[in-house]
Amino acid sequence: MKKIKSFINSENVQAYGTSLVDKIEVTFAELTKVFGKRTFGASGDNKCAAQWHLLFEDGTVATIYDYKECIAYCGRKRGKKVGDITDWHIGGNSERAAILVKKELGLL
């Protein structure tokens, strides 16, 4: 039986004002499997290589993003390809964002 998604992943999700609420350690492949294709690729300042902007059924907004991990920011010696990144930040306006993201990933 296919699980019904309790969120949408969209460029139209307004994530302004969100900030770091938690961190998770998962693969890019796991995030893509659960949340779909990344909402945005590299940020203009190269601090992020991938971002998901999520809106949950209850109105909670969550973002998932790498921060200062990628080659574009750190260079080839220290930076990672997006597919190799495992340290991810969860942004939101409350701890609920982290709880909902972790539940979708099966971490809670």
PDB file of N, CA and C in Angstrom:
ATOM      1  N   MET A   1       0.837  -1.177   0.000  1.00  0.00           N
ATOM      2  CA  MET A   1       0.000   0.000   0.000  1.00  0.00           C
ATOM      3  C   MET A   1       0.885   1.245   0.000  1.00  0.00           C
ATOM      4  N   LYS A   2       0.615   2.172  -0.923  1.00  0.00           N
ATOM      5  CA  LYS A   2       1.415   3.379  -1.053  1.00  0.00           C
ATOM      6  C   LYS A   2       1.023   4.404   0.008  1.00  0.00           C
ATOM      7  N   LYS A   3       2.027   5.002   0.639  1.00  0.00           N
ATOM      8  CA  LYS A   3       1.795   6.001   1.669  1.00  0.00           C
ATOM      9  C   LYS A   3       1.339   7.314   1.023  1.00  0.00           C
ATOM     10  N   ILE A   4       0.325   7.922   1.564  1.00  0.00           N
ATOM     11  CA  ILE A   4      -0.151   9.211   1.085  1.00  0.00           C
ATOM     12  C   ILE A   4       0.725  10.294   1.703  1.00  0.00           C
ATOM     13  N   LYS A   5       1.253  11.186   0.859  1.00  0.00           N
ATOM     14  CA  LYS A   5       2.125  12.252   1.346  1.00  0.00           C
ATOM     15  C   LYS A   5       1.341  13.263   2.165  1.00  0.00           C
ATOM     16  N   SER A   6       1.961  13.718   3.237  1.00  0.00           N
ATOM     17  CA  SER A   6       1.327  14.705   4.110  1.00  0.00           C
ATOM     18  C   SER A   6       1.965  16.080   3.921  1.00  0.00           C
ATOM     19  N   PHE A   7       2.633  16.281   2.777  1.00  0.00           N
ATOM     20  CA  PHE A   7       3.335  17.531   2.521  1.00  0.00           C
ATOM     21  C   PHE A   7       3.360  17.800   1.023  1.00  0.00           C
ATOM     22  N   ILE A   8       3.693  19.041   0.684  1.00  0.00           N
ATOM     23  CA  ILE A   8       4.003  19.353  -0.703  1.00  0.00           C
ATOM     24  C   ILE A   8       5.423  19.922  -0.750  1.00  0.00           C
ATOM     25  N   ASN A   9       6.110  19.667  -1.830  1.00  0.00           N
ATOM     26  CA  ASN A   9       7.462  20.153  -2.086  1.00  0.00           C
ATOM     27  C   ASN A   9       7.325  21.092  -3.274  1.00  0.00           C
ATOM     28  N   SER A  10       7.542  22.381  -3.050  1.00  0.00           N
ATOM     29  CA  SER A  10       7.275  23.339  -4.121  1.00  0.00           C
ATOM     30  C   SER A  10       8.121  24.593  -3.993  1.00  0.00           C
ATOM     31  N   GLU A  11       8.471  25.168  -5.143  1.00  0.00           N
ATOM     32  CA  GLU A  11       9.149  26.467  -5.179  1.00  0.00           C
ATOM     33  C   GLU A  11       8.260  27.553  -4.595  1.00  0.00           C
ATOM     34  N   ASN A  12       6.964  27.324  -4.571  1.00  0.00           N
ATOM     35  CA  ASN A  12       6.016  28.317  -4.087  1.00  0.00           C
ATOM     36  C   ASN A  12       5.846  28.330  -2.568  1.00  0.00           C
ATOM     37  N   VAL A  13       6.467  27.384  -1.867  1.00  0.00           N
ATOM     38  CA  VAL A  13       6.394  27.374  -0.405  1.00  0.00           C
ATOM     39  C   VAL A  13       7.224  28.549   0.114  1.00  0.00           C
ATOM     40  N   GLN A  14       6.581  29.427   0.848  1.00  0.00           N
ATOM     41  CA  GLN A  14       7.251  30.616   1.379  1.00  0.00           C
ATOM     42  C   GLN A  14       8.032  30.253   2.636  1.00  0.00           C
ATOM     43  N   ALA A  15       9.353  30.216   2.503  1.00  0.00           N
ATOM     44  CA  ALA A  15      10.212  29.800   3.611  1.00  0.00           C
ATOM     45  C   ALA A  15      10.949  30.972   4.251  1.00  0.00           C
ATOM     46  N   TYR A  16      10.578  32.191   3.887  1.00  0.00           N
ATOM     47  CA  TYR A  16      11.232  33.364   4.472  1.00  0.00           C
ATOM     48  C   TYR A  16      11.001  33.395   5.973  1.00  0.00           C
ATOM     49  N   GLY A  17      12.059  33.707   6.705  1.00  0.00           N
ATOM     50  CA  GLY A  17      11.944  33.795   8.155  1.00  0.00           C
ATOM     51  C   GLY A  17      12.201  32.495   8.880  1.00  0.00           C
ATOM     52  N   THR A  18      12.384  31.404   8.133  1.00  0.00           N
ATOM     53  CA  THR A  18      12.712  30.141   8.807  1.00  0.00           C
ATOM     54  C   THR A  18      14.181  30.165   9.214  1.00  0.00           C
ATOM     55  N   SER A  19      14.526  29.370  10.182  1.00  0.00           N
ATOM     56  CA  SER A  19      15.918  29.268  10.622  1.00  0.00           C
ATOM     57  C   SER A  19      16.177  27.854  11.133  1.00  0.00           C
ATOM     58  N   LEU A  20      17.418  27.572  11.373  1.00  0.00           N
ATOM     59  CA  LEU A  20      17.836  26.238  11.814  1.00  0.00           C
ATOM     60  C   LEU A  20      17.108  25.826  13.094  1.00  0.00           C
ATOM     61  N   VAL A  21      16.470  24.644  13.036  1.00  0.00           N
ATOM     62  CA  VAL A  21      15.831  24.092  14.233  1.00  0.00           C
ATOM     63  C   VAL A  21      16.421  22.738  14.613  1.00  0.00           C
ATOM     64  N   ASP A  22      17.088  22.069  13.672  1.00  0.00           N
ATOM     65  CA  ASP A  22      17.677  20.760  13.977  1.00  0.00           C
ATOM     66  C   ASP A  22      18.587  20.337  12.827  1.00  0.00           C
ATOM     67  N   LYS A  23      19.293  19.245  13.015  1.00  0.00           N
ATOM     68  CA  LYS A  23      20.150  18.655  11.992  1.00  0.00           C
ATOM     69  C   LYS A  23      19.864  17.164  11.913  1.00  0.00           C
ATOM     70  N   ILE A  24      20.073  16.600  10.727  1.00  0.00           N
ATOM     71  CA  ILE A  24      19.900  15.170  10.527  1.00  0.00           C
ATOM     72  C   ILE A  24      21.063  14.629   9.716  1.00  0.00           C
ATOM     73  N   GLU A  25      21.287  13.338   9.834  1.00  0.00           N
ATOM     74  CA  GLU A  25      22.317  12.672   9.067  1.00  0.00           C
ATOM     75  C   GLU A  25      21.657  11.596   8.209  1.00  0.00           C
ATOM     76  N   VAL A  26      21.462  11.929   6.947  1.00  0.00           N
ATOM     77  CA  VAL A  26      20.862  11.025   5.967  1.00  0.00           C
ATOM     78  C   VAL A  26      21.509  11.295   4.615  1.00  0.00           C
ATOM     79  N   THR A  27      21.319  10.398   3.679  1.00  0.00           N
ATOM     80  CA  THR A  27      21.898  10.587   2.357  1.00  0.00           C
ATOM     81  C   THR A  27      20.997  11.445   1.472  1.00  0.00           C
ATOM     82  N   PHE A  28      21.597  11.990   0.449  1.00  0.00           N
ATOM     83  CA  PHE A  28      20.855  12.744  -0.555  1.00  0.00           C
ATOM     84  C   PHE A  28      19.811  11.833  -1.206  1.00  0.00           C
ATOM     85  N   ALA A  29      20.194  10.588  -1.445  1.00  0.00           N
ATOM     86  CA  ALA A  29      19.273   9.614  -2.053  1.00  0.00           C
ATOM     87  C   ALA A  29      18.057   9.375  -1.166  1.00  0.00           C
ATOM     88  N   GLU A  30      18.260   9.279   0.150  1.00  0.00           N
ATOM     89  CA  GLU A  30      17.134   9.087   1.073  1.00  0.00           C
ATOM     90  C   GLU A  30      16.192  10.288   1.042  1.00  0.00           C
ATOM     91  N   LEU A  31      16.759  11.488   1.040  1.00  0.00           N
ATOM     92  CA  LEU A  31      15.933  12.689   0.988  1.00  0.00           C
ATOM     93  C   LEU A  31      15.123  12.738  -0.301  1.00  0.00           C
ATOM     94  N   THR A  32      15.765  12.397  -1.404  1.00  0.00           N
ATOM     95  CA  THR A  32      15.084  12.402  -2.697  1.00  0.00           C
ATOM     96  C   THR A  32      13.979  11.351  -2.741  1.00  0.00           C
ATOM     97  N   LYS A  33      14.231  10.196  -2.167  1.00  0.00           N
ATOM     98  CA  LYS A  33      13.220   9.134  -2.148  1.00  0.00           C
ATOM     99  C   LYS A  33      11.974   9.564  -1.367  1.00  0.00           C
ATOM    100  N   VAL A  34      12.177  10.213  -0.238  1.00  0.00           N
ATOM    101  CA  VAL A  34      11.061  10.590   0.628  1.00  0.00           C
ATOM    102  C   VAL A  34      10.389  11.890   0.178  1.00  0.00           C
ATOM    103  N   PHE A  35      11.188  12.911  -0.149  1.00  0.00           N
ATOM    104  CA  PHE A  35      10.643  14.233  -0.418  1.00  0.00           C
ATOM    105  C   PHE A  35      10.584  14.610  -1.898  1.00  0.00           C
ATOM    106  N   GLY A  36      11.130  13.770  -2.743  1.00  0.00           N
ATOM    107  CA  GLY A  36      11.125  14.062  -4.170  1.00  0.00           C
ATOM    108  C   GLY A  36      12.341  14.875  -4.583  1.00  0.00           C
ATOM    109  N   LYS A  37      12.323  15.276  -5.821  1.00  0.00           N
ATOM    110  CA  LYS A  37      13.421  16.058  -6.383  1.00  0.00           C
ATOM    111  C   LYS A  37      13.631  17.328  -5.561  1.00  0.00           C
ATOM    112  N   ARG A  38      14.877  17.720  -5.382  1.00  0.00           N
ATOM    113  CA  ARG A  38      15.144  18.931  -4.608  1.00  0.00           C
ATOM    114  C   ARG A  38      14.402  20.117  -5.212  1.00  0.00           C
ATOM    115  N   THR A  39      13.929  20.991  -4.347  1.00  0.00           N
ATOM    116  CA  THR A  39      13.170  22.152  -4.777  1.00  0.00           C
ATOM    117  C   THR A  39      14.070  23.153  -5.478  1.00  0.00           C
ATOM    118  N   PHE A  40      15.256  23.347  -4.930  1.00  0.00           N
ATOM    119  CA  PHE A  40      16.234  24.276  -5.489  1.00  0.00           C
ATOM    120  C   PHE A  40      17.612  23.620  -5.481  1.00  0.00           C
ATOM    121  N   GLY A  41      18.415  23.988  -6.456  1.00  0.00           N
ATOM    122  CA  GLY A  41      19.803  23.533  -6.510  1.00  0.00           C
ATOM    123  C   GLY A  41      20.677  24.503  -5.728  1.00  0.00           C
ATOM    124  N   ALA A  42      21.827  24.788  -6.271  1.00  0.00           N
ATOM    125  CA  ALA A  42      22.810  25.635  -5.592  1.00  0.00           C
ATOM    126  C   ALA A  42      22.259  27.030  -5.312  1.00  0.00           C
ATOM    127  N   SER A  43      22.586  27.528  -4.127  1.00  0.00           N
ATOM    128  CA  SER A  43      22.190  28.893  -3.765  1.00  0.00           C
ATOM    129  C   SER A  43      23.146  29.882  -4.441  1.00  0.00           C
ATOM    130  N   GLY A  44      22.734  31.119  -4.542  1.00  0.00           N
ATOM    131  CA  GLY A  44      23.547  32.145  -5.192  1.00  0.00           C
ATOM    132  C   GLY A  44      24.894  32.367  -4.528  1.00  0.00           C
ATOM    133  N   ASP A  45      24.979  32.142  -3.235  1.00  0.00           N
ATOM    134  CA  ASP A  45      26.243  32.327  -2.513  1.00  0.00           C
ATOM    135  C   ASP A  45      27.031  31.020  -2.387  1.00  0.00           C
ATOM    136  N   ASN A  46      26.532  29.957  -3.016  1.00  0.00           N
ATOM    137  CA  ASN A  46      27.169  28.633  -3.017  1.00  0.00           C
ATOM    138  C   ASN A  46      27.265  27.978  -1.643  1.00  0.00           C
ATOM    139  N   LYS A  47      26.549  28.460  -0.659  1.00  0.00           N
ATOM    140  CA  LYS A  47      26.582  27.844   0.671  1.00  0.00           C
ATOM    141  C   LYS A  47      25.733  26.575   0.725  1.00  0.00           C
ATOM    142  N   CYS A  48      24.794  26.434  -0.199  1.00  0.00           N
ATOM    143  CA  CYS A  48      23.919  25.258  -0.275  1.00  0.00           C
ATOM    144  C   CYS A  48      23.956  24.683  -1.679  1.00  0.00           C
ATOM    145  N   ALA A  49      23.995  23.363  -1.764  1.00  0.00           N
ATOM    146  CA  ALA A  49      23.946  22.683  -3.058  1.00  0.00           C
ATOM    147  C   ALA A  49      22.548  22.157  -3.358  1.00  0.00           C
ATOM    148  N   ALA A  50      21.746  21.944  -2.308  1.00  0.00           N
ATOM    149  CA  ALA A  50      20.404  21.394  -2.491  1.00  0.00           C
ATOM    150  C   ALA A  50      19.499  21.884  -1.368  1.00  0.00           C
ATOM    151  N   GLN A  51      18.243  22.162  -1.742  1.00  0.00           N
ATOM    152  CA  GLN A  51      17.262  22.621  -0.772  1.00  0.00           C
ATOM    153  C   GLN A  51      15.901  22.031  -1.105  1.00  0.00           C
ATOM    154  N   TRP A  52      15.164  21.664  -0.068  1.00  0.00           N
ATOM    155  CA  TRP A  52      13.769  21.255  -0.194  1.00  0.00           C
ATOM    156  C   TRP A  52      12.953  22.255   0.601  1.00  0.00           C
ATOM    157  N   HIS A  53      11.872  22.758   0.002  1.00  0.00           N
ATOM    158  CA  HIS A  53      10.929  23.635   0.698  1.00  0.00           C
ATOM    159  C   HIS A  53       9.620  22.867   0.797  1.00  0.00           C
ATOM    160  N   LEU A  54       9.216  22.577   2.020  1.00  0.00           N
ATOM    161  CA  LEU A  54       8.068  21.703   2.270  1.00  0.00           C
ATOM    162  C   LEU A  54       6.979  22.426   3.045  1.00  0.00           C
ATOM    163  N   LEU A  55       5.745  22.141   2.672  1.00  0.00           N
ATOM    164  CA  LEU A  55       4.586  22.635   3.406  1.00  0.00           C
ATOM    165  C   LEU A  55       3.771  21.430   3.824  1.00  0.00           C
ATOM    166  N   PHE A  56       3.622  21.237   5.142  1.00  0.00           N
ATOM    167  CA  PHE A  56       2.884  20.099   5.676  1.00  0.00           C
ATOM    168  C   PHE A  56       1.401  20.443   5.804  1.00  0.00           C
ATOM    169  N   GLU A  57       0.594  19.408   5.937  1.00  0.00           N
ATOM    170  CA  GLU A  57      -0.874  19.554   5.997  1.00  0.00           C
ATOM    171  C   GLU A  57      -1.346  20.529   7.065  1.00  0.00           C
ATOM    172  N   ASP A  58      -0.627  20.586   8.174  1.00  0.00           N
ATOM    173  CA  ASP A  58      -1.051  21.468   9.270  1.00  0.00           C
ATOM    174  C   ASP A  58      -0.561  22.905   9.111  1.00  0.00           C
ATOM    175  N   GLY A  59       0.095  23.214   7.977  1.00  0.00           N
ATOM    176  CA  GLY A  59       0.591  24.558   7.712  1.00  0.00           C
ATOM    177  C   GLY A  59       2.040  24.787   8.102  1.00  0.00           C
ATOM    178  N   THR A  60       2.674  23.789   8.693  1.00  0.00           N
ATOM    179  CA  THR A  60       4.076  23.910   9.086  1.00  0.00           C
ATOM    180  C   THR A  60       4.964  23.950   7.841  1.00  0.00           C
ATOM    181  N   VAL A  61       5.870  24.920   7.813  1.00  0.00           N
ATOM    182  CA  VAL A  61       6.844  25.034   6.736  1.00  0.00           C
ATOM    183  C   VAL A  61       8.177  24.497   7.244  1.00  0.00           C
ATOM    184  N   ALA A  62       8.823  23.679   6.415  1.00  0.00           N
ATOM    185  CA  ALA A  62      10.139  23.139   6.761  1.00  0.00           C
ATOM    186  C   ALA A  62      11.048  23.251   5.547  1.00  0.00           C
ATOM    187  N   THR A  63      12.302  23.483   5.817  1.00  0.00           N
ATOM    188  CA  THR A  63      13.301  23.449   4.764  1.00  0.00           C
ATOM    189  C   THR A  63      14.357  22.421   5.148  1.00  0.00           C
ATOM    190  N   ILE A  64      14.937  21.804   4.150  1.00  0.00           N
ATOM    191  CA  ILE A  64      16.061  20.887   4.359  1.00  0.00           C
ATOM    192  C   ILE A  64      17.153  21.370   3.423  1.00  0.00           C
ATOM    193  N   TYR A  65      18.349  21.516   3.941  1.00  0.00           N
ATOM    194  CA  TYR A  65      19.432  22.056   3.122  1.00  0.00           C
ATOM    195  C   TYR A  65      20.788  21.661   3.701  1.00  0.00           C
ATOM    196  N   ASP A  66      21.759  21.549   2.811  1.00  0.00           N
ATOM    197  CA  ASP A  66      23.127  21.386   3.284  1.00  0.00           C
ATOM    198  C   ASP A  66      23.656  22.795   3.554  1.00  0.00           C
ATOM    199  N   TYR A  67      24.665  22.907   4.375  1.00  0.00           N
ATOM    200  CA  TYR A  67      25.202  24.232   4.670  1.00  0.00           C
ATOM    201  C   TYR A  67      26.710  24.170   4.732  1.00  0.00           C
ATOM    202  N   LYS A  68      27.316  24.813   3.762  1.00  0.00           N
ATOM    203  CA  LYS A  68      28.772  24.920   3.676  1.00  0.00           C
ATOM    204  C   LYS A  68      29.450  23.551   3.643  1.00  0.00           C
ATOM    205  N   GLU A  69      28.870  22.626   2.883  1.00  0.00           N
ATOM    206  CA  GLU A  69      29.419  21.272   2.735  1.00  0.00           C
ATOM    207  C   GLU A  69      29.913  21.003   1.310  1.00  0.00           C
ATOM    208  N   CYS A  70      29.389  21.727   0.345  1.00  0.00           N
ATOM    209  CA  CYS A  70      29.573  21.382  -1.069  1.00  0.00           C
ATOM    210  C   CYS A  70      30.888  21.890  -1.654  1.00  0.00           C
ATOM    211  N   ILE A  71      31.237  21.325  -2.783  1.00  0.00           N
ATOM    212  CA  ILE A  71      32.464  21.689  -3.502  1.00  0.00           C
ATOM    213  C   ILE A  71      32.463  23.161  -3.871  1.00  0.00           C
ATOM    214  N   ALA A  72      31.328  23.674  -4.321  1.00  0.00           N
ATOM    215  CA  ALA A  72      31.259  25.071  -4.758  1.00  0.00           C
ATOM    216  C   ALA A  72      31.649  26.035  -3.646  1.00  0.00           C
ATOM    217  N   TYR A  73      31.383  25.667  -2.397  1.00  0.00           N
ATOM    218  CA  TYR A  73      31.718  26.542  -1.273  1.00  0.00           C
ATOM    219  C   TYR A  73      33.090  26.203  -0.675  1.00  0.00           C
ATOM    220  N   CYS A  74      33.362  24.928  -0.485  1.00  0.00           N
ATOM    221  CA  CYS A  74      34.564  24.484   0.229  1.00  0.00           C
ATOM    222  C   CYS A  74      35.755  24.182  -0.681  1.00  0.00           C
ATOM    223  N   GLY A  75      35.517  24.050  -1.966  1.00  0.00           N
ATOM    224  CA  GLY A  75      36.589  23.654  -2.876  1.00  0.00           C
ATOM    225  C   GLY A  75      36.672  22.138  -2.980  1.00  0.00           C
ATOM    226  N   ARG A  76      37.436  21.667  -3.931  1.00  0.00           N
ATOM    227  CA  ARG A  76      37.515  20.227  -4.216  1.00  0.00           C
ATOM    228  C   ARG A  76      38.169  19.405  -3.117  1.00  0.00           C
ATOM    229  N   LYS A  77      39.082  19.984  -2.358  1.00  0.00           N
ATOM    230  CA  LYS A  77      39.771  19.208  -1.317  1.00  0.00           C
ATOM    231  C   LYS A  77      38.862  18.908  -0.126  1.00  0.00           C
ATOM    232  N   ARG A  78      38.060  19.879   0.288  1.00  0.00           N
ATOM    233  CA  ARG A  78      37.222  19.708   1.478  1.00  0.00           C
ATOM    234  C   ARG A  78      35.744  19.517   1.168  1.00  0.00           C
ATOM    235  N   GLY A  79      35.312  20.016   0.031  1.00  0.00           N
ATOM    236  CA  GLY A  79      33.896  19.975  -0.302  1.00  0.00           C
ATOM    237  C   GLY A  79      33.435  18.615  -0.795  1.00  0.00           C
ATOM    238  N   LYS A  80      32.125  18.425  -0.780  1.00  0.00           N
ATOM    239  CA  LYS A  80      31.528  17.161  -1.204  1.00  0.00           C
ATOM    240  C   LYS A  80      30.597  17.384  -2.386  1.00  0.00           C
ATOM    241  N   LYS A  81      30.483  16.374  -3.233  1.00  0.00           N
ATOM    242  CA  LYS A  81      29.460  16.391  -4.276  1.00  0.00           C
ATOM    243  C   LYS A  81      28.122  16.265  -3.571  1.00  0.00           C
ATOM    244  N   VAL A  82      27.080  16.830  -4.169  1.00  0.00           N
ATOM    245  CA  VAL A  82      25.771  16.828  -3.511  1.00  0.00           C
ATOM    246  C   VAL A  82      25.317  15.414  -3.159  1.00  0.00           C
ATOM    247  N   GLY A  83      25.615  14.443  -3.989  1.00  0.00           N
ATOM    248  CA  GLY A  83      25.213  13.067  -3.722  1.00  0.00           C
ATOM    249  C   GLY A  83      25.954  12.420  -2.563  1.00  0.00           C
ATOM    250  N   ASP A  84      27.052  13.037  -2.133  1.00  0.00           N
ATOM    251  CA  ASP A  84      27.849  12.503  -1.023  1.00  0.00           C
ATOM    252  C   ASP A  84      27.595  13.205   0.306  1.00  0.00           C
ATOM    253  N   ILE A  85      26.791  14.240   0.293  1.00  0.00           N
ATOM    254  CA  ILE A  85      26.507  14.985   1.522  1.00  0.00           C
ATOM    255  C   ILE A  85      25.561  14.166   2.415  1.00  0.00           C
ATOM    256  N   THR A  86      25.890  14.089   3.688  1.00  0.00           N
ATOM    257  CA  THR A  86      25.047  13.364   4.651  1.00  0.00           C
ATOM    258  C   THR A  86      24.633  14.225   5.849  1.00  0.00           C
ATOM    259  N   ASP A  87      25.199  15.415   5.970  1.00  0.00           N
ATOM    260  CA  ASP A  87      24.843  16.323   7.063  1.00  0.00           C
ATOM    261  C   ASP A  87      23.890  17.380   6.527  1.00  0.00           C
ATOM    262  N   TRP A  88      22.653  17.380   7.035  1.00  0.00           N
ATOM    263  CA  TRP A  88      21.615  18.271   6.534  1.00  0.00           C
ATOM    264  C   TRP A  88      20.998  19.075   7.665  1.00  0.00           C
ATOM    265  N   HIS A  89      20.636  20.288   7.365  1.00  0.00           N
ATOM    266  CA  HIS A  89      19.965  21.172   8.311  1.00  0.00           C
ATOM    267  C   HIS A  89      18.463  21.146   8.050  1.00  0.00           C
ATOM    268  N   ILE A  90      17.689  21.276   9.105  1.00  0.00           N
ATOM    269  CA  ILE A  90      16.242  21.443   8.998  1.00  0.00           C
ATOM    270  C   ILE A  90      15.934  22.851   9.477  1.00  0.00           C
ATOM    271  N   GLY A  91      15.274  23.605   8.629  1.00  0.00           N
ATOM    272  CA  GLY A  91      14.855  24.952   8.987  1.00  0.00           C
ATOM    273  C   GLY A  91      13.353  24.987   9.211  1.00  0.00           C
ATOM    274  N   GLY A  92      12.917  25.939  10.013  1.00  0.00           N
ATOM    275  CA  GLY A  92      11.491  26.101  10.257  1.00  0.00           C
ATOM    276  C   GLY A  92      11.251  27.269  11.178  1.00  0.00           C
ATOM    277  N   ASN A  93      10.005  27.459  11.529  1.00  0.00           N
ATOM    278  CA  ASN A  93       9.636  28.502  12.477  1.00  0.00           C
ATOM    279  C   ASN A  93       9.443  27.946  13.879  1.00  0.00           C
ATOM    280  N   SER A  94       9.512  26.616  13.989  1.00  0.00           N
ATOM    281  CA  SER A  94       9.367  25.966  15.293  1.00  0.00           C
ATOM    282  C   SER A  94       9.957  24.559  15.205  1.00  0.00           C
ATOM    283  N   GLU A  95      10.083  23.919  16.355  1.00  0.00           N
ATOM    284  CA  GLU A  95      10.591  22.544  16.424  1.00  0.00           C
ATOM    285  C   GLU A  95       9.682  21.571  15.665  1.00  0.00           C
ATOM    286  N   ARG A  96       8.441  21.948  15.468  1.00  0.00           N
ATOM    287  CA  ARG A  96       7.494  21.074  14.750  1.00  0.00           C
ATOM    288  C   ARG A  96       8.019  20.735  13.359  1.00  0.00           C
ATOM    289  N   ALA A  97       8.706  21.666  12.715  1.00  0.00           N
ATOM    290  CA  ALA A  97       9.268  21.407  11.382  1.00  0.00           C
ATOM    291  C   ALA A  97      10.198  20.194  11.435  1.00  0.00           C
ATOM    292  N   ALA A  98      11.060  20.154  12.421  1.00  0.00           N
ATOM    293  CA  ALA A  98      12.001  19.041  12.560  1.00  0.00           C
ATOM    294  C   ALA A  98      11.270  17.736  12.858  1.00  0.00           C
ATOM    295  N   ILE A  99      10.273  17.808  13.704  1.00  0.00           N
ATOM    296  CA  ILE A  99       9.507  16.606  14.051  1.00  0.00           C
ATOM    297  C   ILE A  99       8.850  16.020  12.815  1.00  0.00           C
ATOM    298  N   LEU A 100       8.209  16.851  12.000  1.00  0.00           N
ATOM    299  CA  LEU A 100       7.513  16.361  10.824  1.00  0.00           C
ATOM    300  C   LEU A 100       8.474  15.803   9.778  1.00  0.00           C
ATOM    301  N   VAL A 101       9.611  16.483   9.582  1.00  0.00           N
ATOM    302  CA  VAL A 101      10.619  15.979   8.640  1.00  0.00           C
ATOM    303  C   VAL A 101      11.131  14.609   9.107  1.00  0.00           C
ATOM    304  N   LYS A 102      11.473  14.513  10.375  1.00  0.00           N
ATOM    305  CA  LYS A 102      11.997  13.263  10.921  1.00  0.00           C
ATOM    306  C   LYS A 102      10.967  12.147  10.844  1.00  0.00           C
ATOM    307  N   LYS A 103       9.707  12.430  11.064  1.00  0.00           N
ATOM    308  CA  LYS A 103       8.658  11.416  10.951  1.00  0.00           C
ATOM    309  C   LYS A 103       8.574  10.888   9.524  1.00  0.00           C
ATOM    310  N   GLU A 104       8.613  11.782   8.549  1.00  0.00           N
ATOM    311  CA  GLU A 104       8.560  11.351   7.144  1.00  0.00           C
ATOM    312  C   GLU A 104       9.737  10.452   6.786  1.00  0.00           C
ATOM    313  N   LEU A 105      10.893  10.746   7.378  1.00  0.00           N
ATOM    314  CA  LEU A 105      12.104   9.953   7.124  1.00  0.00           C
ATOM    315  C   LEU A 105      12.158   8.670   7.946  1.00  0.00           C
ATOM    316  N   GLY A 106      11.211   8.493   8.854  1.00  0.00           N
ATOM    317  CA  GLY A 106      11.211   7.312   9.705  1.00  0.00           C
ATOM    318  C   GLY A 106      12.226   7.367  10.826  1.00  0.00           C
ATOM    319  N   LEU A 107      12.650   8.588  11.185  1.00  0.00           N
ATOM    320  CA  LEU A 107      13.634   8.761  12.248  1.00  0.00           C
ATOM    321  C   LEU A 107      12.979   8.927  13.615  1.00  0.00           C
ATOM    322  N   LEU A 108      11.679   9.083  13.639  1.00  0.00           N
ATOM    323  CA  LEU A 108      10.917   9.181  14.915  1.00  0.00           C
ATOM    324  C   LEU A 108       9.831   8.134  14.921  1.00  0.00           C
TER     325      LEU A 108
END
